[in-house]
Amino acid sequence: MSTSFLSVTDLTVDFHTEDGVVHAVDKLSFEVEKGTTLGIVGESGSGKSVTNLAVLGLHNPETAKISGRIDFDGTDLLGAPRSAMEKLRGNRIAMIFQDPLTSLSPYHTVGVQISEVYRRHTGASKAAARDRAIEMLGRVGIPQPKTRVDEYPHQFSGGMRQRAMIAMALVCDPGLLIADEPTTALDVTVQAQILDLLRDLQDQFGTAIILITHDLGVVAHNAHNVLVMYAGRAVERGTVREVLRSPRHPYTWGLLGSMPSLRRPVDVPLEPVRGTPPSMINVPSGCPFHPRCDYAELAGREVCAGERPELSPPRGHADACYLTPTQKTESLAAKSRTAKEAR
């Protein structure tokens, strides 16, 4: 058993649909330590949110088949009874959902919704829970919390609703916080405020954070480690410095090449990853990225389409690619030369 605060080992999540079995997550493994942030990145449909809903035990057991192991602070979550998971959710493990407008109930005040979480897990009185809700709203930077606690979600701006969601998630001081695209649809200034808030709260309480995003810029400034996902699998893993400065997988190269940068001349176009993500019902054999990979011929397309490449080495900066280290170095050098010539 791993000694990490959260350890996910060979997690597989399949959904049975009328069209076939959706292989949403395929033998995914990662770890998160206390006081650190793991950024999980990848295109839409890569399995990021599905993975973390599995950690929370929020998938319908009638439609989802889940296997593997999820250890949280010494507890096997996949083997835990429903009652144990209900005690953990919102208490020791919390989640900031992607869209606060649909995640918050329009029929209850923000204060009531935060208080309900606190009362459920602590048994506090209504008065004590209300005081706690006011305290949390103030902690996340909402002005006049004693007044705003009695307002409804539609009376809050987008940034304030996101702050209210963070207050609800942190009301019981959880050890693990899962933030699913916490800055989606927010303007740049509010994005920075929300991310600064998460960092401050982590520094204060030592919270472990999983940050789900498609924005590598957000990861660069807010995460300690990175997990790059494609078609339900991990294709690269390492520290932020390792993955963003010395990427090893062609998919990671593609994500970085499609990012706007102040260092890129204005007349040099972005380089999007060609093609589209695969169907999760009919995932390509071998490396699932090989149909879109510009370097599959270099490694041998029949090799890439053969057996599944595993993350290697087992620890530290790892990737799942058949290119040799020399081929990766030469390919990156060629990309760099091409970019300079384009300038």
Protein backbone atom coordinates (compact mmCIF):
# COMPACT_ATOMS: atom_id res chain seq x y z
CA MET A 1 0.00 0.00 0.00
CA SER A 2 1.30 3.47 -0.91
CA THR A 3 2.18 5.94 1.84
CA SER A 4 0.97 8.90 -0.26
CA PHE A 5 -2.00 10.92 0.98
CA LEU A 6 -3.94 9.93 -2.15
CA SER A 7 -2.79 7.03 -4.31
CA VAL A 8 -4.68 5.89 -7.41
CA THR A 9 -3.52 2.59 -8.88
CA ASP A 10 -4.66 1.06 -12.19
CA LEU A 11 -7.99 2.90 -12.09
CA THR A 12 -10.32 1.79 -14.88
CA VAL A 13 -13.78 3.29 -15.48
CA ASP A 14 -16.09 1.89 -18.17
CA PHE A 15 -19.61 3.05 -18.97
CA HIS A 16 -22.10 0.71 -20.62
CA THR A 17 -24.20 2.54 -23.22
CA GLU A 18 -26.52 1.58 -26.08
CA ASP A 19 -23.67 2.26 -28.54
CA GLY A 20 -21.14 0.14 -26.68
CA VAL A 21 -18.72 0.33 -23.76
CA VAL A 22 -17.13 3.74 -23.20
CA HIS A 23 -13.58 3.22 -21.92
CA ALA A 24 -13.38 6.54 -20.07
CA VAL A 25 -10.34 5.76 -17.90
CA ASP A 26 -7.84 2.98 -18.61
CA LYS A 27 -5.39 1.78 -15.92
CA LEU A 28 -4.56 5.23 -14.60
CA SER A 29 -2.15 5.64 -11.69
CA PHE A 30 -0.99 8.77 -9.84
CA GLU A 31 -0.24 10.07 -6.34
CA VAL A 32 -0.85 13.31 -4.45
CA GLU A 33 0.98 14.36 -1.29
CA LYS A 34 -0.30 16.66 1.46
CA GLY A 35 0.28 20.33 0.78
CA THR A 36 0.92 19.81 -2.95
CA THR A 37 -1.09 20.45 -6.10
CA LEU A 38 -1.38 17.95 -8.95
CA GLY A 39 -2.45 19.48 -12.26
CA ILE A 40 -4.31 17.06 -14.54
CA VAL A 41 -4.38 18.33 -18.12
CA GLY A 42 -5.71 17.12 -21.44
CA GLU A 43 -8.35 17.80 -24.07
CA SER A 44 -12.06 17.52 -23.35
CA GLY A 45 -13.03 13.86 -23.06
CA SER A 46 -9.60 12.69 -21.92
CA GLY A 47 -11.00 11.35 -18.64
CA LYS A 48 -9.96 14.09 -16.21
CA SER A 49 -13.33 14.70 -14.55
CA VAL A 50 -14.37 11.04 -14.73
CA THR A 51 -11.24 10.13 -12.76
CA ASN A 52 -11.98 12.53 -9.96
CA LEU A 53 -15.66 11.68 -9.77
CA ALA A 54 -14.47 8.10 -9.21
CA VAL A 55 -12.31 9.33 -6.31
CA LEU A 56 -15.44 10.89 -4.80
CA GLY A 57 -17.53 7.79 -5.49
CA LEU A 58 -20.08 9.76 -7.53
CA HIS A 59 -20.53 7.39 -10.47
CA ASN A 60 -23.75 5.42 -10.81
CA PRO A 61 -22.84 1.78 -10.04
CA GLU A 62 -25.59 0.61 -12.39
CA THR A 63 -23.92 2.14 -15.46
CA ALA A 64 -20.26 2.47 -14.44
CA LYS A 65 -17.85 -0.41 -13.94
CA ILE A 66 -14.88 0.69 -11.83
CA SER A 67 -11.78 -1.33 -10.94
CA GLY A 68 -8.34 -0.66 -9.53
CA ARG A 69 -7.54 0.89 -6.18
CA ILE A 70 -7.93 4.35 -4.66
CA ASP A 71 -6.21 4.81 -1.28
CA PHE A 72 -6.97 7.98 0.65
CA ASP A 73 -5.02 8.45 3.87
CA GLY A 74 -5.00 4.69 4.47
CA THR A 75 -8.61 4.02 3.37
CA ASP A 76 -9.48 2.08 0.21
CA LEU A 77 -12.23 4.24 -1.29
CA LEU A 78 -13.36 1.73 -3.91
CA GLY A 79 -13.92 -0.86 -1.20
CA ALA A 80 -15.54 1.55 1.25
CA PRO A 81 -19.28 1.22 1.97
CA ARG A 82 -21.63 3.95 0.80
CA SER A 83 -22.11 5.28 4.34
CA ALA A 84 -18.35 5.76 4.75
CA MET A 85 -18.12 7.64 1.45
CA GLU A 86 -20.97 9.93 2.49
CA LYS A 87 -19.03 10.82 5.63
CA LEU A 88 -15.89 11.56 3.62
CA ARG A 89 -17.50 13.62 0.82
CA GLY A 90 -17.70 17.28 1.73
CA ASN A 91 -15.83 16.59 4.95
CA ARG A 92 -12.35 15.19 4.27
CA ILE A 93 -12.63 15.24 0.46
CA ALA A 94 -14.34 18.15 -1.28
CA MET A 95 -14.85 19.25 -4.86
CA ILE A 96 -15.27 22.58 -6.61
CA PHE A 97 -17.46 21.79 -9.59
CA GLN A 98 -17.00 23.32 -13.02
CA ASP A 99 -20.12 25.50 -13.21
CA PRO A 100 -21.16 27.14 -9.92
CA LEU A 101 -24.42 28.44 -11.39
CA THR A 102 -25.72 24.90 -11.99
CA SER A 103 -23.99 23.41 -8.93
CA LEU A 104 -25.63 25.81 -6.48
CA SER A 105 -29.36 25.43 -5.83
CA PRO A 106 -31.35 28.46 -6.99
CA TYR A 107 -34.02 27.79 -4.31
CA HIS A 108 -31.82 28.27 -1.24
CA THR A 109 -29.61 31.10 -0.09
CA VAL A 110 -25.87 30.72 -0.36
CA GLY A 111 -25.59 30.73 3.43
CA VAL A 112 -28.10 27.92 3.85
CA GLN A 113 -26.23 25.75 1.37
CA ILE A 114 -22.88 26.27 3.07
CA SER A 115 -24.43 25.77 6.51
CA GLU A 116 -26.07 22.51 5.45
CA VAL A 117 -22.70 20.96 4.60
CA TYR A 118 -21.21 22.04 7.92
CA ARG A 119 -24.17 20.81 9.99
CA ARG A 120 -24.27 17.45 8.22
CA HIS A 121 -20.66 16.63 9.01
CA THR A 122 -20.21 18.30 12.40
CA GLY A 123 -23.66 18.23 14.00
CA ALA A 124 -23.42 21.97 14.70
CA SER A 125 -26.50 24.04 15.54
CA LYS A 126 -28.13 26.30 12.94
CA ALA A 127 -26.69 29.38 14.62
CA ALA A 128 -23.17 27.94 14.75
CA ALA A 129 -23.40 26.79 11.14
CA ARG A 130 -24.58 30.24 10.04
CA ASP A 131 -21.65 31.86 11.84
CA ARG A 132 -19.32 29.39 10.13
CA ALA A 133 -20.84 30.22 6.72
CA ILE A 134 -20.29 33.95 7.33
CA GLU A 135 -16.72 33.24 8.41
CA MET A 136 -16.02 31.21 5.26
CA LEU A 137 -17.55 33.81 2.93
CA GLY A 138 -15.31 36.40 4.50
CA ARG A 139 -12.29 34.11 4.23
CA VAL A 140 -12.76 33.67 0.48
CA GLY A 141 -12.96 37.42 -0.03
CA ILE A 142 -16.70 38.10 -0.42
CA PRO A 143 -17.45 41.62 0.86
CA GLN A 144 -20.12 42.17 3.53
CA PRO A 145 -20.47 38.45 4.29
CA LYS A 146 -23.06 39.04 7.02
CA THR A 147 -25.38 40.49 4.37
CA ARG A 148 -24.45 38.32 1.39
CA VAL A 149 -24.99 35.13 3.40
CA ASP A 150 -28.76 35.61 2.97
CA GLU A 151 -28.63 36.21 -0.79
CA TYR A 152 -29.34 33.70 -3.57
CA PRO A 153 -26.83 32.47 -6.18
CA HIS A 154 -28.37 34.61 -8.96
CA GLN A 155 -27.55 37.71 -6.90
CA PHE A 156 -23.84 36.84 -7.01
CA SER A 157 -21.51 37.57 -9.92
CA GLY A 158 -19.69 34.67 -11.62
CA GLY A 159 -16.53 35.24 -9.59
CA MET A 160 -18.47 35.51 -6.34
CA ARG A 161 -20.39 32.30 -7.06
CA GLN A 162 -17.06 30.54 -7.60
CA ARG A 163 -15.83 31.93 -4.29
CA ALA A 164 -19.01 30.71 -2.62
CA MET A 165 -18.38 27.23 -4.07
CA ILE A 166 -14.86 27.33 -2.63
CA ALA A 167 -16.25 28.40 0.74
CA MET A 168 -18.66 25.45 0.67
CA ALA A 169 -15.90 23.04 -0.31
CA LEU A 170 -13.60 24.26 2.48
CA VAL A 171 -16.15 24.71 5.24
CA CYS A 172 -15.09 21.44 6.92
CA ASP A 173 -11.35 21.95 6.30
CA PRO A 174 -10.92 18.96 3.94
CA GLY A 175 -7.56 17.28 3.48
CA LEU A 176 -8.11 16.87 -0.28
CA LEU A 177 -9.70 19.45 -2.58
CA ILE A 178 -10.58 18.62 -6.19
CA ALA A 179 -10.97 21.73 -8.35
CA ASP A 180 -12.60 20.96 -11.71
CA GLU A 181 -11.85 23.86 -14.08
CA PRO A 182 -12.33 26.37 -11.23
CA THR A 183 -11.69 29.41 -13.44
CA THR A 184 -13.82 28.48 -16.48
CA ALA A 185 -15.85 31.42 -17.88
CA LEU A 186 -14.21 33.91 -15.50
CA ASP A 187 -12.32 36.95 -16.70
CA VAL A 188 -8.54 36.99 -16.31
CA THR A 189 -8.50 39.20 -13.22
CA VAL A 190 -11.02 37.02 -11.36
CA GLN A 191 -9.16 33.88 -12.49
CA ALA A 192 -5.99 35.16 -10.85
CA GLN A 193 -7.87 36.02 -7.64
CA ILE A 194 -9.43 32.55 -7.42
CA LEU A 195 -6.12 30.78 -8.01
CA ASP A 196 -4.33 33.04 -5.51
CA LEU A 197 -7.04 32.16 -3.01
CA LEU A 198 -6.51 28.42 -3.49
CA ARG A 199 -2.75 28.83 -3.00
CA ASP A 200 -3.24 30.88 0.17
CA LEU A 201 -5.66 28.34 1.62
CA GLN A 202 -3.26 25.51 0.77
CA ASP A 203 -0.41 27.31 2.50
CA GLN A 204 -2.63 27.89 5.53
CA PHE A 205 -4.09 24.40 5.92
CA GLY A 206 -1.71 22.08 4.02
CA THR A 207 -4.53 20.94 1.74
CA ALA A 208 -3.75 18.55 -1.11
CA ILE A 209 -5.28 19.85 -4.36
CA ILE A 210 -6.08 18.19 -7.66
CA LEU A 211 -6.45 20.91 -10.29
CA ILE A 212 -8.30 19.75 -13.42
CA THR A 213 -7.75 22.04 -16.38
CA HIS A 214 -6.93 22.26 -20.07
CA ASP A 215 -4.88 25.41 -19.49
CA LEU A 216 -1.17 24.68 -19.12
CA GLY A 217 -0.62 28.31 -18.14
CA VAL A 218 -2.76 27.78 -15.04
CA VAL A 219 -0.81 24.61 -14.24
CA ALA A 220 2.55 26.36 -14.68
CA HIS A 221 1.75 28.91 -11.97
CA ASN A 222 -0.29 26.82 -9.56
CA ALA A 223 0.74 23.15 -9.58
CA HIS A 224 3.73 21.24 -8.24
CA ASN A 225 3.26 18.15 -10.40
CA VAL A 226 1.54 17.46 -13.72
CA LEU A 227 -0.30 14.46 -15.17
CA VAL A 228 -1.03 14.66 -18.90
CA MET A 229 -4.00 12.53 -19.96
CA TYR A 230 -5.08 11.37 -23.40
CA ALA A 231 -7.94 8.98 -24.20
CA GLY A 232 -8.30 7.95 -20.57
CA ARG A 233 -4.60 7.19 -20.09
CA ALA A 234 -1.60 8.94 -18.59
CA VAL A 235 0.89 9.79 -21.34
CA GLU A 236 3.30 11.90 -19.28
CA ARG A 237 3.93 12.61 -15.61
CA GLY A 238 6.43 14.73 -13.70
CA THR A 239 7.03 17.99 -11.88
CA VAL A 240 5.84 21.21 -13.50
CA ARG A 241 9.41 22.16 -14.34
CA GLU A 242 10.15 18.77 -15.93
CA VAL A 243 7.01 18.49 -18.03
CA LEU A 244 6.76 22.09 -19.21
CA ARG A 245 10.46 22.72 -19.79
CA SER A 246 11.49 19.27 -21.01
CA PRO A 247 8.34 17.57 -22.38
CA ARG A 248 8.85 14.03 -23.64
CA HIS A 249 5.58 12.96 -25.23
CA PRO A 250 4.45 14.24 -28.67
CA TYR A 251 0.99 14.97 -27.26
CA THR A 252 2.51 17.23 -24.61
CA TRP A 253 4.52 18.93 -27.37
CA GLY A 254 1.24 19.53 -29.19
CA LEU A 255 -0.47 21.02 -26.14
CA LEU A 256 2.44 23.36 -25.52
CA GLY A 257 2.63 24.33 -29.20
CA SER A 258 -1.03 25.33 -29.22
CA MET A 259 -0.64 27.72 -26.27
CA PRO A 260 -0.45 31.48 -26.85
CA SER A 261 2.79 32.95 -25.51
CA LEU A 262 4.23 36.43 -25.11
CA ARG A 263 7.51 35.01 -26.41
CA ARG A 264 5.90 33.94 -29.69
CA PRO A 265 6.05 36.56 -32.49
CA VAL A 266 2.60 37.85 -33.43
CA ASP A 267 3.03 36.72 -37.05
CA VAL A 268 3.83 33.09 -36.10
CA PRO A 269 0.62 31.01 -35.97
CA LEU A 270 -0.18 28.57 -33.19
CA GLU A 271 0.31 24.87 -33.92
CA PRO A 272 -2.83 22.98 -32.89
CA VAL A 273 -2.74 19.23 -32.43
CA ARG A 274 -4.00 17.92 -35.75
CA GLY A 275 -7.06 15.74 -35.95
CA THR A 276 -9.62 15.10 -33.23
CA PRO A 277 -9.66 12.99 -30.05
CA PRO A 278 -10.62 9.35 -30.65
CA SER A 279 -13.92 7.69 -29.84
CA MET A 280 -13.77 6.28 -26.33
CA ILE A 281 -15.86 3.35 -27.56
CA ASN A 282 -13.32 2.42 -30.23
CA VAL A 283 -10.00 3.55 -28.78
CA PRO A 284 -7.07 2.97 -31.17
CA SER A 285 -4.82 0.05 -30.33
CA GLY A 286 -1.36 0.55 -28.87
CA CYS A 287 -0.66 4.21 -28.18
CA PRO A 288 -4.05 5.90 -28.62
CA PHE A 289 -2.35 9.06 -29.88
CA HIS A 290 -0.57 7.38 -32.80
CA PRO A 291 -3.22 8.24 -35.48
CA ARG A 292 -2.63 11.96 -34.74
CA CYS A 293 1.09 11.77 -34.02
CA ASP A 294 3.54 13.40 -36.44
CA TYR A 295 6.33 11.18 -35.11
CA ALA A 296 4.71 7.74 -35.33
CA GLU A 297 6.60 6.96 -38.56
CA LEU A 298 9.88 7.74 -36.80
CA ALA A 299 9.19 5.22 -34.05
CA GLY A 300 7.50 2.81 -36.45
CA ARG A 301 3.75 3.14 -36.88
CA GLU A 302 3.27 -0.63 -36.59
CA VAL A 303 5.10 -0.44 -33.25
CA CYS A 304 2.96 2.45 -31.99
CA ALA A 305 -0.21 0.65 -33.10
CA GLY A 306 0.91 -2.62 -31.50
CA GLU A 307 1.15 -2.99 -27.74
CA ARG A 308 0.25 -0.25 -25.30
CA PRO A 309 3.32 1.75 -24.15
CA GLU A 310 3.59 2.02 -20.37
CA LEU A 311 4.75 5.02 -18.36
CA SER A 312 8.48 4.70 -17.91
CA PRO A 313 10.40 4.98 -15.62
CA PRO A 314 8.13 3.94 -12.73
CA ARG A 315 9.12 7.00 -10.67
CA GLY A 316 9.95 10.59 -11.50
CA HIS A 317 9.53 12.17 -14.94
CA ALA A 318 7.91 9.50 -17.11
CA ASP A 319 6.17 9.18 -20.46
CA ALA A 320 4.41 6.49 -22.47
CA CYS A 321 6.03 6.73 -25.91
CA TYR A 322 8.07 4.42 -28.16
CA LEU A 323 10.38 7.19 -29.37
CA THR A 324 13.91 6.76 -28.06
CA PRO A 325 15.50 9.55 -25.99
CA THR A 326 17.70 10.45 -28.97
CA GLN A 327 14.71 10.61 -31.33
CA LYS A 328 12.86 12.88 -28.87
CA THR A 329 15.83 15.22 -28.54
CA GLU A 330 16.33 15.43 -32.31
CA SER A 331 12.59 15.93 -32.93
CA LEU A 332 12.36 18.78 -30.42
CA ALA A 333 15.47 20.39 -31.92
CA ALA A 334 13.89 20.18 -35.38
CA LYS A 335 10.66 21.78 -34.07
CA SER A 336 12.70 24.59 -32.54
CA ARG A 337 14.56 25.22 -35.80
CA THR A 338 11.30 25.27 -37.76
CA ALA A 339 9.81 27.78 -35.33
CA LYS A 340 12.86 30.07 -35.63
CA GLU A 341 12.75 29.90 -39.43
CA ALA A 342 9.05 30.84 -39.33
CA ARG A 343 9.98 34.04 -37.52
